[in-house]
């Protein structure tokens, strides 16, 4: 599973000003299995130790074989650019506040404390 996670390259575009390469944390934060999932793991790509992207990787049973499934979940409002084997795989734009109340998430901007 870790070898699959290592095939991803993730960049965080901080406020459209600079891009930072995120690092894959050393081990998955969770492992699991059930009747449909042979093995599943939750990996984190982080800026320092700040999680920016969750990568869920699962080996799932099918009728006569098994298949790999991947899901990505951003943990930041900033733009993320993901490559798999150096090829574009997934991008999400910077979701600036304020967002409409119909959004799937809400982020708040607080002024610096004095």
Protein backbone atom coordinates (compact mmCIF):
# COMPACT_ATOMS: atom_id res chain seq x y z
CA UNK A 1 0.00 0.00 0.00
CA UNK A 2 2.78 2.40 0.86
CA UNK A 3 4.33 1.83 -2.57
CA UNK A 4 1.05 2.90 -4.17
CA UNK A 5 0.89 6.01 -1.96
CA UNK A 6 4.49 6.86 -2.89
CA UNK A 7 3.54 6.99 -6.57
CA UNK A 8 1.65 10.24 -5.88
CA UNK A 9 3.26 13.68 -5.94
CA UNK A 10 1.27 16.41 -4.21
CA UNK A 11 1.78 20.17 -4.34
CA UNK A 12 -0.06 22.73 -2.23
CA UNK A 13 -0.54 26.12 -3.91
CA UNK A 14 -0.54 28.50 -0.92
CA UNK A 15 -2.85 31.44 -1.72
CA UNK A 16 -1.69 31.35 -5.33
CA UNK A 17 1.70 32.72 -4.24
CA UNK A 18 3.97 29.69 -3.98
CA UNK A 19 3.76 25.95 -4.40
CA UNK A 20 5.06 23.58 -1.77
CA UNK A 21 5.74 19.89 -2.29
CA UNK A 22 3.89 17.95 0.38
CA UNK A 23 5.48 14.95 2.05
CA UNK A 24 3.99 11.55 2.61
CA UNK A 25 3.87 10.81 6.33
CA UNK A 26 5.95 7.78 7.27
CA UNK A 27 3.10 5.36 7.97
CA UNK A 28 -0.67 5.21 7.44
CA UNK A 29 -2.75 6.69 10.25
CA UNK A 30 -5.30 3.87 9.95
CA UNK A 31 -5.53 0.33 8.55
CA UNK A 32 -8.76 -1.61 8.20
CA UNK A 33 -10.54 -4.49 6.47
CA UNK A 34 -14.07 -5.86 6.24
CA UNK A 35 -16.12 -8.24 4.09
CA UNK A 36 -15.62 -6.10 0.95
CA UNK A 37 -12.21 -4.58 1.66
CA UNK A 38 -9.25 -6.96 1.76
CA UNK A 39 -6.99 -4.20 3.06
CA UNK A 40 -7.46 -0.45 3.42
CA UNK A 41 -5.19 2.34 4.58
CA UNK A 42 -5.41 6.08 5.20
CA UNK A 43 -2.27 7.97 4.24
CA UNK A 44 -1.55 11.65 4.78
CA UNK A 45 0.37 14.13 2.66
CA UNK A 46 1.46 16.99 4.89
CA UNK A 47 3.11 20.40 4.93
CA UNK A 48 5.48 19.82 7.83
CA UNK A 49 3.14 17.93 10.14
CA UNK A 50 -0.02 19.75 8.98
CA UNK A 51 -2.22 17.29 7.03
CA UNK A 52 -3.23 18.74 3.68
CA UNK A 53 -4.47 15.67 1.76
CA UNK A 54 -5.85 12.31 2.87
CA UNK A 55 -5.28 9.41 0.47
CA UNK A 56 -7.44 6.34 1.04
CA UNK A 57 -6.19 3.19 -0.69
CA UNK A 58 -8.21 -0.02 -0.70
CA UNK A 59 -7.85 -3.50 -2.15
CA UNK A 60 -11.48 -4.53 -2.74
CA UNK A 61 -12.94 -7.94 -3.46
CA UNK A 62 -14.92 -8.46 -6.63
CA UNK A 63 -16.62 -11.64 -7.81
CA UNK A 64 -13.54 -13.25 -9.30
CA UNK A 65 -10.61 -10.94 -8.51
CA UNK A 66 -9.59 -7.92 -6.48
CA UNK A 67 -9.09 -4.30 -7.53
CA UNK A 68 -7.35 -1.24 -6.16
CA UNK A 69 -9.38 1.85 -5.32
CA UNK A 70 -8.09 5.30 -4.38
CA UNK A 71 -9.94 8.28 -2.90
CA UNK A 72 -8.51 11.74 -2.22
CA UNK A 73 -9.83 14.12 0.45
CA UNK A 74 -8.42 17.65 0.74
CA UNK A 75 -7.93 18.98 4.26
CA UNK A 76 -7.13 22.51 3.08
CA UNK A 77 -8.94 25.23 1.16
CA UNK A 78 -5.82 25.97 -0.89
CA UNK A 79 -5.31 24.54 -4.35
CA UNK A 80 -3.84 21.05 -4.58
CA UNK A 81 -2.16 19.51 -7.61
CA UNK A 82 -1.76 15.73 -7.57
CA UNK A 83 0.25 13.62 -9.99
CA UNK A 84 0.40 9.84 -10.25
CA UNK A 85 3.60 8.51 -11.80
CA UNK A 86 4.43 12.11 -12.86
CA UNK A 87 1.19 12.43 -14.84
CA UNK A 88 -1.63 14.85 -13.84
CA UNK A 89 -4.14 12.91 -11.76
CA UNK A 90 -6.31 15.38 -9.81
CA UNK A 91 -6.48 19.12 -9.23
CA UNK A 92 -8.68 21.24 -7.04
CA UNK A 93 -8.71 25.03 -7.11
CA UNK A 94 -8.31 27.41 -4.16
CA UNK A 95 -11.65 27.65 -2.39
CA UNK A 96 -11.57 31.17 -0.98
CA UNK A 97 -13.90 32.33 1.76
CA UNK A 98 -16.59 33.42 1.97
CA UNK A 99 -18.25 30.41 0.39
CA UNK A 100 -21.95 29.97 -0.27
CA UNK A 101 -23.91 28.19 2.46
CA UNK A 102 -24.59 25.39 -0.04
CA UNK A 103 -20.90 24.44 -0.06
CA UNK A 104 -19.88 21.04 1.22
CA UNK A 105 -17.64 22.74 3.78
CA UNK A 106 -17.21 26.13 5.39
CA UNK A 107 -13.97 27.86 6.25
CA UNK A 108 -13.63 30.93 8.41
CA UNK A 109 -10.98 33.61 8.21
CA UNK A 110 -9.98 35.07 11.54
CA UNK A 111 -7.85 38.21 11.77
CA UNK A 112 -4.55 37.84 13.59
CA UNK A 113 -4.84 38.26 17.34
CA UNK A 114 -3.18 41.29 18.84
